[in-house]
Amino acid sequence: MKTVTARILHAALRLFAEKGAKQIAISDLAKEAGLSRGTIYNNLDTPDELFNILCDLMYLELRQTSLATDSDIEDPALRLALIIRKVIRRVYEEPDWGRFVAQFGMIDPRLGKFWGKLPHQLLRTGLEQGRFAYRPDQIHSVTALGGGAVMGATSLVLGGLLTWRKSGSDTAELILRSVGIPEEEAHALSTIPFEPLPRVDFAKVQLEGTIREHILG
């Protein structure tokens, strides 16, 4: 993705997060990005679809970044705890990203489908290995439980009710306990030091399918 396009998308993210609406004026976007309206139209093939494009890109960015980090960790419990904590930490470190997810995550399925991918896979792997304990028919409910818990933690961090450390560790620990990890081990796995996710950089996202068509025309 071109750097200018990524710059436009970052500006759009800030505006959507600030306004809480699915539509923003191109004039506002140009001002926020420090670009002309003509540059916006020249670098974004379908500006009217900007919200939809951004939702898809945020899903791709988070999925690709998460897959690239901690991939050498074999324990699904530890890796699940790290994903939960890293996402919650990012909410604090990149509040525009966090506010966007908090405002639109429950009403737009694209923002929630991340939890149906890697976390879902880890939950299934943990069950198959005997690491987790829940009925196989509960896999989708357990996945939804984790996603909902992270959304709630996001609101707590953004509202200043809990620090990202406390919220992240508590959320990870409670999710692990819900799938059968003993209390002491769940707490230990949820307090291991970790490196944060890289900062959001849409320029590095590997575009797929209709996203490429939307952006590149």
N, C-alpha and C. Protein backbone atom coordinates (compact mmCIF):
# COMPACT_ATOMS: atom_id res chain seq x y z
N MET A 1 0.83 -1.19 0.00
CA MET A 1 0.00 0.00 0.00
C MET A 1 0.87 1.25 0.00
N LYS A 2 0.47 2.25 -0.77
CA LYS A 2 1.25 3.49 -0.84
C LYS A 2 1.21 4.23 0.50
N THR A 3 2.30 4.92 0.79
CA THR A 3 2.40 5.66 2.05
C THR A 3 1.32 6.72 2.17
N VAL A 4 1.01 7.41 1.07
CA VAL A 4 -0.02 8.45 1.11
C VAL A 4 -1.38 7.84 1.45
N THR A 5 -1.69 6.69 0.85
CA THR A 5 -2.96 6.02 1.15
C THR A 5 -3.02 5.64 2.63
N ALA A 6 -1.93 5.12 3.16
CA ALA A 6 -1.89 4.76 4.57
C ALA A 6 -2.08 6.00 5.45
N ARG A 7 -1.50 7.10 5.05
CA ARG A 7 -1.66 8.36 5.79
C ARG A 7 -3.12 8.79 5.81
N ILE A 8 -3.81 8.63 4.71
CA ILE A 8 -5.23 8.96 4.63
C ILE A 8 -6.04 8.06 5.57
N LEU A 9 -5.71 6.79 5.57
CA LEU A 9 -6.43 5.84 6.41
C LEU A 9 -6.21 6.10 7.90
N HIS A 10 -5.00 6.47 8.28
CA HIS A 10 -4.74 6.81 9.68
C HIS A 10 -5.53 8.06 10.09
N ALA A 11 -5.61 9.03 9.19
CA ALA A 11 -6.40 10.23 9.47
C ALA A 11 -7.87 9.88 9.61
N ALA A 12 -8.35 9.00 8.74
CA ALA A 12 -9.75 8.56 8.81
C ALA A 12 -10.03 7.85 10.12
N LEU A 13 -9.10 7.02 10.56
CA LEU A 13 -9.26 6.31 11.83
C LEU A 13 -9.44 7.30 12.97
N ARG A 14 -8.63 8.34 12.99
CA ARG A 14 -8.73 9.35 14.05
C ARG A 14 -10.09 10.04 14.02
N LEU A 15 -10.56 10.37 12.83
CA LEU A 15 -11.84 11.09 12.69
C LEU A 15 -13.03 10.20 13.07
N PHE A 16 -13.03 8.97 12.60
CA PHE A 16 -14.11 8.06 12.96
C PHE A 16 -14.16 7.85 14.47
N ALA A 17 -12.99 7.69 15.07
CA ALA A 17 -12.93 7.48 16.51
C ALA A 17 -13.43 8.71 17.27
N GLU A 18 -13.08 9.89 16.77
CA GLU A 18 -13.47 11.14 17.43
C GLU A 18 -14.95 11.43 17.27
N LYS A 19 -15.49 11.23 16.06
CA LYS A 19 -16.87 11.60 15.77
C LYS A 19 -17.87 10.51 16.10
N GLY A 20 -17.43 9.26 16.10
CA GLY A 20 -18.34 8.17 16.40
C GLY A 20 -19.39 7.94 15.34
N ALA A 21 -19.11 8.35 14.12
CA ALA A 21 -20.04 8.20 13.00
C ALA A 21 -19.36 7.44 11.87
N LYS A 22 -20.19 6.80 11.02
CA LYS A 22 -19.65 5.99 9.93
C LYS A 22 -19.36 6.80 8.67
N GLN A 23 -19.68 8.07 8.70
CA GLN A 23 -19.41 8.94 7.56
C GLN A 23 -18.63 10.17 8.02
N ILE A 24 -17.62 10.55 7.25
CA ILE A 24 -16.87 11.77 7.53
C ILE A 24 -16.75 12.57 6.24
N ALA A 25 -16.67 13.88 6.35
CA ALA A 25 -16.55 14.73 5.17
C ALA A 25 -15.14 14.64 4.60
N ILE A 26 -15.06 14.61 3.29
CA ILE A 26 -13.75 14.56 2.63
C ILE A 26 -12.93 15.79 2.99
N SER A 27 -13.60 16.93 3.17
CA SER A 27 -12.88 18.15 3.54
C SER A 27 -12.23 17.99 4.92
N ASP A 28 -12.95 17.35 5.86
CA ASP A 28 -12.38 17.09 7.19
C ASP A 28 -11.22 16.11 7.10
N LEU A 29 -11.40 15.11 6.24
CA LEU A 29 -10.34 14.11 6.07
C LEU A 29 -9.09 14.74 5.49
N ALA A 30 -9.26 15.59 4.50
CA ALA A 30 -8.11 16.25 3.87
C ALA A 30 -7.37 17.12 4.89
N LYS A 31 -8.13 17.83 5.71
CA LYS A 31 -7.51 18.69 6.73
C LYS A 31 -6.77 17.86 7.76
N GLU A 32 -7.37 16.77 8.21
CA GLU A 32 -6.75 15.92 9.23
C GLU A 32 -5.48 15.27 8.70
N ALA A 33 -5.51 14.88 7.41
CA ALA A 33 -4.36 14.22 6.81
C ALA A 33 -3.32 15.21 6.31
N GLY A 34 -3.67 16.52 6.25
CA GLY A 34 -2.74 17.52 5.73
C GLY A 34 -2.53 17.38 4.24
N LEU A 35 -3.62 16.99 3.53
CA LEU A 35 -3.55 16.78 2.08
C LEU A 35 -4.68 17.53 1.40
N SER A 36 -4.60 17.66 0.10
CA SER A 36 -5.68 18.30 -0.65
C SER A 36 -6.79 17.29 -0.93
N ARG A 37 -7.99 17.79 -1.23
CA ARG A 37 -9.09 16.90 -1.59
C ARG A 37 -8.73 16.08 -2.83
N GLY A 38 -8.05 16.72 -3.77
CA GLY A 38 -7.65 16.02 -4.99
C GLY A 38 -6.75 14.83 -4.69
N THR A 39 -5.85 15.03 -3.73
CA THR A 39 -4.94 13.93 -3.35
C THR A 39 -5.71 12.78 -2.72
N ILE A 40 -6.75 13.10 -1.94
CA ILE A 40 -7.59 12.07 -1.35
C ILE A 40 -8.22 11.22 -2.44
N TYR A 41 -8.84 11.89 -3.42
CA TYR A 41 -9.53 11.16 -4.49
C TYR A 41 -8.54 10.40 -5.39
N ASN A 42 -7.36 10.95 -5.57
CA ASN A 42 -6.37 10.29 -6.43
C ASN A 42 -5.79 9.03 -5.79
N ASN A 43 -5.83 8.96 -4.46
CA ASN A 43 -5.20 7.84 -3.76
C ASN A 43 -6.18 6.87 -3.13
N LEU A 44 -7.47 7.19 -3.20
CA LEU A 44 -8.47 6.31 -2.64
C LEU A 44 -9.58 6.14 -3.66
N ASP A 45 -9.68 4.97 -4.22
CA ASP A 45 -10.58 4.75 -5.35
C ASP A 45 -12.05 4.92 -4.98
N THR A 46 -12.43 4.52 -3.74
CA THR A 46 -13.83 4.58 -3.33
C THR A 46 -13.94 5.25 -1.96
N PRO A 47 -13.79 6.57 -1.89
CA PRO A 47 -13.82 7.26 -0.59
C PRO A 47 -15.14 7.10 0.14
N ASP A 48 -16.25 6.87 -0.58
CA ASP A 48 -17.54 6.67 0.08
C ASP A 48 -17.57 5.38 0.89
N GLU A 49 -16.66 4.46 0.57
CA GLU A 49 -16.59 3.18 1.28
C GLU A 49 -15.49 3.19 2.34
N LEU A 50 -15.07 4.37 2.75
CA LEU A 50 -13.91 4.48 3.62
C LEU A 50 -14.10 3.73 4.94
N PHE A 51 -15.27 3.83 5.54
CA PHE A 51 -15.50 3.14 6.81
C PHE A 51 -15.37 1.63 6.62
N ASN A 52 -15.98 1.11 5.55
CA ASN A 52 -15.91 -0.32 5.28
C ASN A 52 -14.48 -0.77 5.01
N ILE A 53 -13.76 0.01 4.25
CA ILE A 53 -12.36 -0.30 3.95
C ILE A 53 -11.54 -0.34 5.24
N LEU A 54 -11.76 0.66 6.09
CA LEU A 54 -10.99 0.75 7.32
C LEU A 54 -11.28 -0.43 8.25
N CYS A 55 -12.53 -0.84 8.35
CA CYS A 55 -12.87 -1.99 9.19
C CYS A 55 -12.14 -3.23 8.71
N ASP A 56 -12.16 -3.45 7.40
CA ASP A 56 -11.49 -4.62 6.84
C ASP A 56 -9.98 -4.55 7.06
N LEU A 57 -9.42 -3.37 6.89
CA LEU A 57 -7.97 -3.22 7.07
C LEU A 57 -7.56 -3.41 8.53
N MET A 58 -8.38 -2.94 9.44
CA MET A 58 -8.05 -3.13 10.86
C MET A 58 -8.07 -4.60 11.22
N TYR A 59 -9.02 -5.34 10.66
CA TYR A 59 -9.04 -6.78 10.89
C TYR A 59 -7.80 -7.44 10.31
N LEU A 60 -7.44 -7.09 9.07
CA LEU A 60 -6.26 -7.67 8.44
C LEU A 60 -5.00 -7.32 9.21
N GLU A 61 -4.88 -6.07 9.62
CA GLU A 61 -3.67 -5.63 10.33
C GLU A 61 -3.51 -6.40 11.64
N LEU A 62 -4.59 -6.51 12.41
CA LEU A 62 -4.50 -7.19 13.70
C LEU A 62 -4.22 -8.68 13.51
N ARG A 63 -4.86 -9.29 12.53
CA ARG A 63 -4.64 -10.71 12.29
C ARG A 63 -3.20 -10.97 11.85
N GLN A 64 -2.72 -10.18 10.90
CA GLN A 64 -1.38 -10.39 10.37
C GLN A 64 -0.32 -10.12 11.43
N THR A 65 -0.53 -9.06 12.22
CA THR A 65 0.43 -8.73 13.27
C THR A 65 0.46 -9.81 14.35
N SER A 66 -0.73 -10.29 14.74
CA SER A 66 -0.80 -11.31 15.79
C SER A 66 -0.19 -12.62 15.33
N LEU A 67 -0.40 -12.97 14.08
CA LEU A 67 0.18 -14.20 13.55
C LEU A 67 1.71 -14.14 13.53
N ALA A 68 2.23 -12.94 13.34
CA ALA A 68 3.68 -12.77 13.21
C ALA A 68 4.39 -12.71 14.56
N THR A 69 3.64 -12.51 15.65
CA THR A 69 4.26 -12.39 16.97
C THR A 69 3.99 -13.65 17.79
N ASP A 70 4.97 -14.04 18.57
CA ASP A 70 4.85 -15.18 19.49
C ASP A 70 4.54 -16.49 18.77
N SER A 71 4.84 -16.55 17.47
CA SER A 71 4.51 -17.76 16.71
C SER A 71 5.34 -18.96 17.14
N ASP A 72 6.42 -18.71 17.89
CA ASP A 72 7.27 -19.80 18.36
C ASP A 72 6.78 -20.40 19.67
N ILE A 73 5.74 -19.81 20.27
CA ILE A 73 5.19 -20.32 21.53
C ILE A 73 4.22 -21.45 21.23
N GLU A 74 4.47 -22.61 21.81
CA GLU A 74 3.66 -23.79 21.52
C GLU A 74 2.44 -23.93 22.44
N ASP A 75 2.52 -23.39 23.65
CA ASP A 75 1.42 -23.53 24.60
C ASP A 75 0.24 -22.64 24.19
N PRO A 76 -0.91 -23.20 23.81
CA PRO A 76 -2.05 -22.36 23.40
C PRO A 76 -2.57 -21.47 24.52
N ALA A 77 -2.41 -21.90 25.76
CA ALA A 77 -2.89 -21.09 26.89
C ALA A 77 -2.07 -19.82 27.02
N LEU A 78 -0.76 -19.95 26.96
CA LEU A 78 0.10 -18.78 27.06
C LEU A 78 -0.10 -17.86 25.87
N ARG A 79 -0.20 -18.43 24.69
CA ARG A 79 -0.35 -17.57 23.51
C ARG A 79 -1.69 -16.84 23.53
N LEU A 80 -2.74 -17.50 23.98
CA LEU A 80 -4.04 -16.84 24.09
C LEU A 80 -3.98 -15.70 25.09
N ALA A 81 -3.33 -15.94 26.23
CA ALA A 81 -3.20 -14.89 27.24
C ALA A 81 -2.43 -13.69 26.70
N LEU A 82 -1.39 -13.95 25.93
CA LEU A 82 -0.59 -12.87 25.37
C LEU A 82 -1.38 -12.05 24.35
N ILE A 83 -2.16 -12.71 23.51
CA ILE A 83 -2.97 -11.99 22.52
C ILE A 83 -3.94 -11.05 23.23
N ILE A 84 -4.63 -11.57 24.23
CA ILE A 84 -5.59 -10.75 24.97
C ILE A 84 -4.91 -9.54 25.58
N ARG A 85 -3.78 -9.74 26.24
CA ARG A 85 -3.08 -8.65 26.92
C ARG A 85 -2.50 -7.65 25.93
N LYS A 86 -2.00 -8.13 24.81
CA LYS A 86 -1.41 -7.23 23.82
C LYS A 86 -2.47 -6.34 23.17
N VAL A 87 -3.63 -6.90 22.89
CA VAL A 87 -4.72 -6.10 22.32
C VAL A 87 -5.15 -5.03 23.30
N ILE A 88 -5.30 -5.39 24.56
CA ILE A 88 -5.72 -4.41 25.57
C ILE A 88 -4.65 -3.35 25.79
N ARG A 89 -3.39 -3.73 25.71
CA ARG A 89 -2.31 -2.74 25.84
C ARG A 89 -2.35 -1.77 24.66
N ARG A 90 -2.63 -2.28 23.48
CA ARG A 90 -2.69 -1.40 22.32
C ARG A 90 -3.80 -0.37 22.47
N VAL A 91 -4.90 -0.75 23.08
CA VAL A 91 -6.00 0.20 23.32
C VAL A 91 -5.49 1.42 24.09
N TYR A 92 -4.64 1.16 25.08
CA TYR A 92 -4.09 2.26 25.88
C TYR A 92 -3.07 3.06 25.09
N GLU A 93 -2.19 2.39 24.39
CA GLU A 93 -1.10 3.06 23.69
C GLU A 93 -1.56 3.75 22.41
N GLU A 94 -2.64 3.26 21.81
CA GLU A 94 -3.18 3.88 20.60
C GLU A 94 -4.69 4.09 20.81
N PRO A 95 -5.05 5.10 21.59
CA PRO A 95 -6.45 5.29 21.99
C PRO A 95 -7.41 5.51 20.83
N ASP A 96 -6.96 6.09 19.72
CA ASP A 96 -7.85 6.25 18.57
C ASP A 96 -8.27 4.88 18.04
N TRP A 97 -7.31 3.98 17.96
CA TRP A 97 -7.59 2.61 17.56
C TRP A 97 -8.56 1.97 18.55
N GLY A 98 -8.30 2.17 19.83
CA GLY A 98 -9.16 1.60 20.86
C GLY A 98 -10.56 2.16 20.83
N ARG A 99 -10.68 3.47 20.65
CA ARG A 99 -12.02 4.08 20.61
C ARG A 99 -12.80 3.60 19.39
N PHE A 100 -12.12 3.44 18.27
CA PHE A 100 -12.79 2.95 17.07
C PHE A 100 -13.35 1.55 17.34
N VAL A 101 -12.54 0.69 17.90
CA VAL A 101 -12.97 -0.68 18.19
C VAL A 101 -14.11 -0.68 19.22
N ALA A 102 -13.99 0.16 20.25
CA ALA A 102 -15.01 0.20 21.30
C ALA A 102 -16.35 0.69 20.75
N GLN A 103 -16.32 1.66 19.83
CA GLN A 103 -17.55 2.24 19.32
C GLN A 103 -18.23 1.37 18.27
N PHE A 104 -17.43 0.71 17.45
CA PHE A 104 -18.00 0.00 16.31
C PHE A 104 -17.85 -1.51 16.37
N GLY A 105 -17.08 -2.00 17.34
CA GLY A 105 -16.80 -3.43 17.40
C GLY A 105 -18.02 -4.31 17.61
N MET A 106 -19.02 -3.81 18.35
CA MET A 106 -20.20 -4.61 18.64
C MET A 106 -21.26 -4.50 17.55
N ILE A 107 -21.11 -3.56 16.63
CA ILE A 107 -22.13 -3.38 15.60
C ILE A 107 -21.63 -3.71 14.21
N ASP A 108 -20.33 -3.91 14.07
CA ASP A 108 -19.79 -4.27 12.77
C ASP A 108 -19.04 -5.60 12.90
N PRO A 109 -19.54 -6.66 12.27
CA PRO A 109 -18.95 -8.00 12.47
C PRO A 109 -17.52 -8.12 11.98
N ARG A 110 -17.09 -7.24 11.09
CA ARG A 110 -15.72 -7.33 10.59
C ARG A 110 -14.70 -7.07 11.69
N LEU A 111 -15.03 -6.21 12.63
CA LEU A 111 -14.10 -5.91 13.71
C LEU A 111 -14.04 -7.05 14.73
N GLY A 112 -15.10 -7.84 14.77
CA GLY A 112 -15.12 -8.94 15.72
C GLY A 112 -14.63 -10.26 15.16
N LYS A 113 -14.49 -10.34 13.84
CA LYS A 113 -14.17 -11.65 13.27
C LYS A 113 -12.73 -12.09 13.55
N PHE A 114 -11.88 -11.16 14.01
CA PHE A 114 -10.54 -11.57 14.43
C PHE A 114 -10.62 -12.68 15.46
N TRP A 115 -11.60 -12.58 16.37
CA TRP A 115 -11.73 -13.57 17.44
C TRP A 115 -12.22 -14.91 16.91
N GLY A 116 -12.75 -14.92 15.70
CA GLY A 116 -13.14 -16.17 15.09
C GLY A 116 -12.02 -16.83 14.32
N LYS A 117 -10.84 -16.24 14.34
CA LYS A 117 -9.68 -16.77 13.62
C LYS A 117 -8.64 -17.31 14.59
N LEU A 118 -7.61 -16.51 14.90
CA LEU A 118 -6.50 -17.02 15.71
C LEU A 118 -6.93 -17.44 17.11
N PRO A 119 -7.66 -16.61 17.88
CA PRO A 119 -8.08 -17.07 19.21
C PRO A 119 -8.93 -18.34 19.13
N HIS A 120 -9.83 -18.39 18.15
CA HIS A 120 -10.66 -19.58 17.95
C HIS A 120 -9.78 -20.80 17.70
N GLN A 121 -8.77 -20.62 16.86
CA GLN A 121 -7.86 -21.72 16.55
C GLN A 121 -7.11 -22.17 17.79
N LEU A 122 -6.65 -21.23 18.61
CA LEU A 122 -5.94 -21.59 19.84
C LEU A 122 -6.84 -22.31 20.82
N LEU A 123 -8.08 -21.87 20.92
CA LEU A 123 -9.04 -22.53 21.81
C LEU A 123 -9.30 -23.96 21.35
N ARG A 124 -9.42 -24.15 20.04
CA ARG A 124 -9.65 -25.49 19.50
C ARG A 124 -8.41 -26.37 19.71
N THR A 125 -7.23 -25.81 19.46
CA THR A 125 -5.99 -26.57 19.65
C THR A 125 -5.83 -26.99 21.10
N GLY A 126 -6.11 -26.06 22.01
CA GLY A 126 -6.00 -26.36 23.43
C GLY A 126 -6.94 -27.47 23.86
N LEU A 127 -8.12 -27.50 23.28
CA LEU A 127 -9.08 -28.55 23.59
C LEU A 127 -8.58 -29.90 23.06
N GLU A 128 -8.11 -29.90 21.82
CA GLU A 128 -7.62 -31.13 21.21
C GLU A 128 -6.42 -31.71 21.96
N GLN A 129 -5.59 -30.83 22.53
CA GLN A 129 -4.41 -31.27 23.26
C GLN A 129 -4.71 -31.65 24.71
N GLY A 130 -5.95 -31.42 25.15
CA GLY A 130 -6.29 -31.67 26.53
C GLY A 130 -5.85 -30.56 27.47
N ARG A 131 -5.38 -29.45 26.90
CA ARG A 131 -4.93 -28.30 27.70
C ARG A 131 -6.13 -27.54 28.26
N PHE A 132 -7.21 -27.46 27.49
CA PHE A 132 -8.42 -26.77 27.91
C PHE A 132 -9.52 -27.81 28.17
N ALA A 133 -10.49 -27.40 28.96
CA ALA A 133 -11.60 -28.29 29.29
C ALA A 133 -12.93 -27.56 29.08
N TYR A 134 -13.60 -27.88 28.00
CA TYR A 134 -14.96 -27.43 27.74
C TYR A 134 -15.55 -28.38 26.69
N ARG A 135 -16.84 -28.41 26.55
CA ARG A 135 -17.45 -29.31 25.59
C ARG A 135 -17.16 -28.83 24.16
N PRO A 136 -16.89 -29.73 23.24
CA PRO A 136 -16.59 -29.32 21.86
C PRO A 136 -17.67 -28.44 21.24
N ASP A 137 -18.94 -28.67 21.60
CA ASP A 137 -20.01 -27.87 21.02
C ASP A 137 -20.05 -26.45 21.57
N GLN A 138 -19.19 -26.16 22.56
CA GLN A 138 -19.15 -24.83 23.16
C GLN A 138 -18.10 -23.92 22.53
N ILE A 139 -17.38 -24.40 21.51
CA ILE A 139 -16.26 -23.65 20.95
C ILE A 139 -16.65 -22.24 20.52
N HIS A 140 -17.80 -22.10 19.85
CA HIS A 140 -18.19 -20.77 19.38
C HIS A 140 -18.58 -19.86 20.55
N SER A 141 -19.21 -20.43 21.56
CA SER A 141 -19.58 -19.63 22.74
C SER A 141 -18.35 -19.20 23.51
N VAL A 142 -17.38 -20.10 23.63
CA VAL A 142 -16.14 -19.75 24.33
C VAL A 142 -15.39 -18.66 23.57
N THR A 143 -15.36 -18.78 22.24
CA THR A 143 -14.71 -17.74 21.42
C THR A 143 -15.40 -16.40 21.61
N ALA A 144 -16.74 -16.41 21.59
CA ALA A 144 -17.49 -15.17 21.79
C ALA A 144 -17.27 -14.60 23.18
N LEU A 145 -17.14 -15.48 24.16
CA LEU A 145 -16.88 -15.04 25.54
C LEU A 145 -15.57 -14.27 25.61
N GLY A 146 -14.54 -14.78 24.94
CA GLY A 146 -13.25 -14.09 24.94
C GLY A 146 -13.33 -12.75 24.24
N GLY A 147 -13.99 -12.72 23.09
CA GLY A 147 -14.12 -11.45 22.37
C GLY A 147 -14.89 -10.42 23.15
N GLY A 148 -15.98 -10.85 23.79
CA GLY A 148 -16.77 -9.92 24.59
C GLY A 148 -16.01 -9.41 25.79
N ALA A 149 -15.21 -10.29 26.38
CA ALA A 149 -14.42 -9.87 27.55
C ALA A 149 -13.38 -8.82 27.16
N VAL A 150 -12.77 -9.00 26.01
CA VAL A 150 -11.78 -8.02 25.55
C VAL A 150 -12.46 -6.68 25.23
N MET A 151 -13.66 -6.74 24.65
CA MET A 151 -14.38 -5.50 24.37
C MET A 151 -14.70 -4.76 25.67
N GLY A 152 -15.11 -5.52 26.68
CA GLY A 152 -15.39 -4.89 27.97
C GLY A 152 -14.15 -4.30 28.60
N ALA A 153 -13.04 -5.02 28.49
CA ALA A 153 -11.78 -4.52 29.04
C ALA A 153 -11.35 -3.24 28.32
N THR A 154 -11.61 -3.20 27.02
CA THR A 154 -11.30 -1.99 26.23
C THR A 154 -12.00 -0.77 26.81
N SER A 155 -13.27 -0.93 27.13
CA SER A 155 -14.04 0.19 27.70
C SER A 155 -13.50 0.61 29.06
N LEU A 156 -13.09 -0.37 29.86
CA LEU A 156 -12.54 -0.05 31.18
C LEU A 156 -11.25 0.75 31.07
N VAL A 157 -10.40 0.38 30.12
CA VAL A 157 -9.13 1.09 29.93
C VAL A 157 -9.37 2.49 29.40
N LEU A 158 -10.23 2.60 28.39
CA LEU A 158 -10.51 3.91 27.80
C LEU A 158 -11.20 4.84 28.79
N GLY A 159 -12.00 4.26 29.68
CA GLY A 159 -12.70 5.06 30.68
C GLY A 159 -11.86 5.38 31.90
N GLY A 160 -10.62 4.87 31.93
CA GLY A 160 -9.73 5.16 33.04
C GLY A 160 -10.07 4.42 34.32
N LEU A 161 -10.92 3.37 34.22
CA LEU A 161 -11.31 2.62 35.41
C LEU A 161 -10.25 1.61 35.83
N LEU A 162 -9.49 1.09 34.86
CA LEU A 162 -8.42 0.16 35.14
C LEU A 162 -7.23 0.48 34.24
N THR A 163 -6.03 0.17 34.71
CA THR A 163 -4.86 0.29 33.84
C THR A 163 -4.87 -0.85 32.84
N TRP A 164 -4.12 -0.69 31.76
CA TRP A 164 -4.06 -1.77 30.77
C TRP A 164 -3.43 -3.02 31.37
N ARG A 165 -2.49 -2.82 32.30
CA ARG A 165 -1.85 -3.98 32.93
C ARG A 165 -2.86 -4.78 33.75
N LYS A 166 -3.61 -4.09 34.59
CA LYS A 166 -4.59 -4.76 35.44
C LYS A 166 -5.71 -5.37 34.61
N SER A 167 -6.24 -4.59 33.69
CA SER A 167 -7.34 -5.08 32.86
C SER A 167 -6.90 -6.25 31.99
N GLY A 168 -5.72 -6.13 31.39
CA GLY A 168 -5.23 -7.19 30.53
C GLY A 168 -4.98 -8.49 31.28
N SER A 169 -4.30 -8.38 32.42
CA SER A 169 -3.99 -9.58 33.20
C SER A 169 -5.25 -10.23 33.75
N ASP A 170 -6.16 -9.40 34.29
CA ASP A 170 -7.40 -9.96 34.83
C ASP A 170 -8.22 -10.66 33.75
N THR A 171 -8.34 -10.02 32.60
CA THR A 171 -9.14 -10.59 31.52
C THR A 171 -8.54 -11.90 31.03
N ALA A 172 -7.24 -11.91 30.80
CA ALA A 172 -6.58 -13.14 30.35
C ALA A 172 -6.73 -14.25 31.38
N GLU A 173 -6.52 -13.91 32.65
CA GLU A 173 -6.62 -14.92 33.71
C GLU A 173 -8.02 -15.52 33.78
N LEU A 174 -9.03 -14.68 33.73
CA LEU A 174 -10.40 -15.17 33.85
C LEU A 174 -10.81 -16.01 32.64
N ILE A 175 -10.35 -15.64 31.45
CA ILE A 175 -10.64 -16.45 30.26
C ILE A 175 -9.96 -17.81 30.37
N LEU A 176 -8.71 -17.84 30.80
CA LEU A 176 -8.02 -19.11 30.96
C LEU A 176 -8.71 -19.98 32.01
N ARG A 177 -9.13 -19.39 33.10
CA ARG A 177 -9.83 -20.15 34.13
C ARG A 177 -11.16 -20.70 33.60
N SER A 178 -11.80 -19.94 32.71
CA SER A 178 -13.09 -20.39 32.17
C SER A 178 -12.96 -21.61 31.27
N VAL A 179 -11.75 -21.85 30.75
CA VAL A 179 -11.54 -23.03 29.91
C VAL A 179 -10.74 -24.11 30.62
N GLY A 180 -10.68 -24.02 31.95
CA GLY A 180 -10.15 -25.12 32.73
C GLY A 180 -8.73 -25.00 33.24
N ILE A 181 -8.05 -23.87 33.01
CA ILE A 181 -6.70 -23.71 33.54
C ILE A 181 -6.80 -23.40 35.04
N PRO A 182 -6.06 -24.11 35.90
CA PRO A 182 -6.12 -23.85 37.35
C PRO A 182 -5.80 -22.39 37.69
N GLU A 183 -6.35 -21.93 38.78
CA GLU A 183 -6.25 -20.51 39.15
C GLU A 183 -4.81 -20.02 39.22
N GLU A 184 -3.95 -20.71 39.92
CA GLU A 184 -2.58 -20.24 40.09
C GLU A 184 -1.83 -20.22 38.76
N GLU A 185 -2.03 -21.24 37.95
CA GLU A 185 -1.35 -21.27 36.66
C GLU A 185 -1.90 -20.19 35.74
N ALA A 186 -3.21 -19.99 35.76
CA ALA A 186 -3.81 -18.95 34.93
C ALA A 186 -3.25 -17.58 35.30
N HIS A 187 -3.10 -17.35 36.59
CA HIS A 187 -2.54 -16.07 37.05
C HIS A 187 -1.10 -15.92 36.59
N ALA A 188 -0.32 -16.99 36.71
CA ALA A 188 1.08 -16.93 36.31
C ALA A 188 1.22 -16.66 34.81
N LEU A 189 0.42 -17.34 34.00
CA LEU A 189 0.48 -17.16 32.54
C LEU A 189 0.04 -15.75 32.14
N SER A 190 -0.80 -15.14 32.95
CA SER A 190 -1.37 -13.83 32.62
C SER A 190 -0.57 -12.66 33.17
N THR A 191 0.57 -12.95 33.79
CA THR A 191 1.41 -11.88 34.35
C THR A 191 2.84 -11.95 33.83
N ILE A 192 3.08 -12.80 32.83
CA ILE A 192 4.41 -12.90 32.23
C ILE A 192 4.72 -11.62 31.44
N PRO A 193 5.89 -11.01 31.61
CA PRO A 193 6.24 -9.81 30.83
C PRO A 193 6.19 -10.09 29.32
N PHE A 194 5.82 -9.08 28.54
CA PHE A 194 5.71 -9.28 27.09
C PHE A 194 6.00 -7.98 26.35
N GLU A 195 6.33 -8.12 25.09
CA GLU A 195 6.54 -6.97 24.21
C GLU A 195 5.21 -6.59 23.56
N PRO A 196 4.94 -5.29 23.40
CA PRO A 196 3.67 -4.88 22.81
C PRO A 196 3.59 -5.22 21.33
N LEU A 197 2.37 -5.20 20.80
CA LEU A 197 2.20 -5.31 19.36
C LEU A 197 2.84 -4.10 18.69
N PRO A 198 3.34 -4.23 17.47
CA PRO A 198 3.85 -3.06 16.75
C PRO A 198 2.73 -2.02 16.59
N ARG A 199 3.10 -0.78 16.47
CA ARG A 199 2.10 0.26 16.25
C ARG A 199 1.40 0.02 14.91
N VAL A 200 0.14 0.40 14.84
CA VAL A 200 -0.63 0.19 13.62
C VAL A 200 0.02 0.92 12.45
N ASP A 201 0.29 0.19 11.39
CA ASP A 201 0.88 0.77 10.19
C ASP A 201 0.19 0.16 8.98
N PHE A 202 -0.81 0.87 8.46
CA PHE A 202 -1.58 0.34 7.34
C PHE A 202 -0.72 0.15 6.09
N ALA A 203 0.40 0.85 6.01
CA ALA A 203 1.27 0.72 4.84
C ALA A 203 1.87 -0.69 4.75
N LYS A 204 1.90 -1.41 5.88
CA LYS A 204 2.51 -2.73 5.90
C LYS A 204 1.49 -3.86 5.79
N VAL A 205 0.21 -3.51 5.73
CA VAL A 205 -0.82 -4.54 5.65
C VAL A 205 -0.79 -5.20 4.27
N GLN A 206 -0.84 -6.52 4.26
CA GLN A 206 -0.92 -7.27 3.01
C GLN A 206 -2.38 -7.32 2.58
N LEU A 207 -2.72 -6.59 1.52
CA LEU A 207 -4.10 -6.47 1.08
C LEU A 207 -4.61 -7.78 0.50
N GLU A 208 -5.91 -8.01 0.66
CA GLU A 208 -6.53 -9.23 0.17
C GLU A 208 -7.84 -8.91 -0.54
N GLY A 209 -8.16 -9.68 -1.56
CA GLY A 209 -9.47 -9.67 -2.21
C GLY A 209 -10.04 -8.30 -2.51
N THR A 210 -11.28 -8.09 -2.01
CA THR A 210 -12.00 -6.86 -2.32
C THR A 210 -11.33 -5.64 -1.70
N ILE A 211 -10.52 -5.83 -0.66
CA ILE A 211 -9.83 -4.69 -0.08
C ILE A 211 -8.88 -4.09 -1.10
N ARG A 212 -8.15 -4.94 -1.77
CA ARG A 212 -7.24 -4.47 -2.82
C ARG A 212 -8.02 -3.75 -3.92
N GLU A 213 -9.15 -4.31 -4.30
CA GLU A 213 -9.96 -3.70 -5.36
C GLU A 213 -10.49 -2.34 -4.92
N HIS A 214 -10.95 -2.23 -3.67
CA HIS A 214 -11.48 -0.97 -3.17
C HIS A 214 -10.42 0.13 -3.17
N ILE A 215 -9.24 -0.23 -2.69
CA ILE A 215 -8.21 0.80 -2.50
C ILE A 215 -7.49 1.13 -3.79
N LEU A 216 -7.14 0.10 -4.55
CA LEU A 216 -6.34 0.32 -5.74
C LEU A 216 -7.17 0.51 -7.01
N GLY A 217 -8.47 0.18 -6.94
CA GLY A 217 -9.34 0.34 -8.11
C GLY A 217 -9.15 -0.75 -9.14
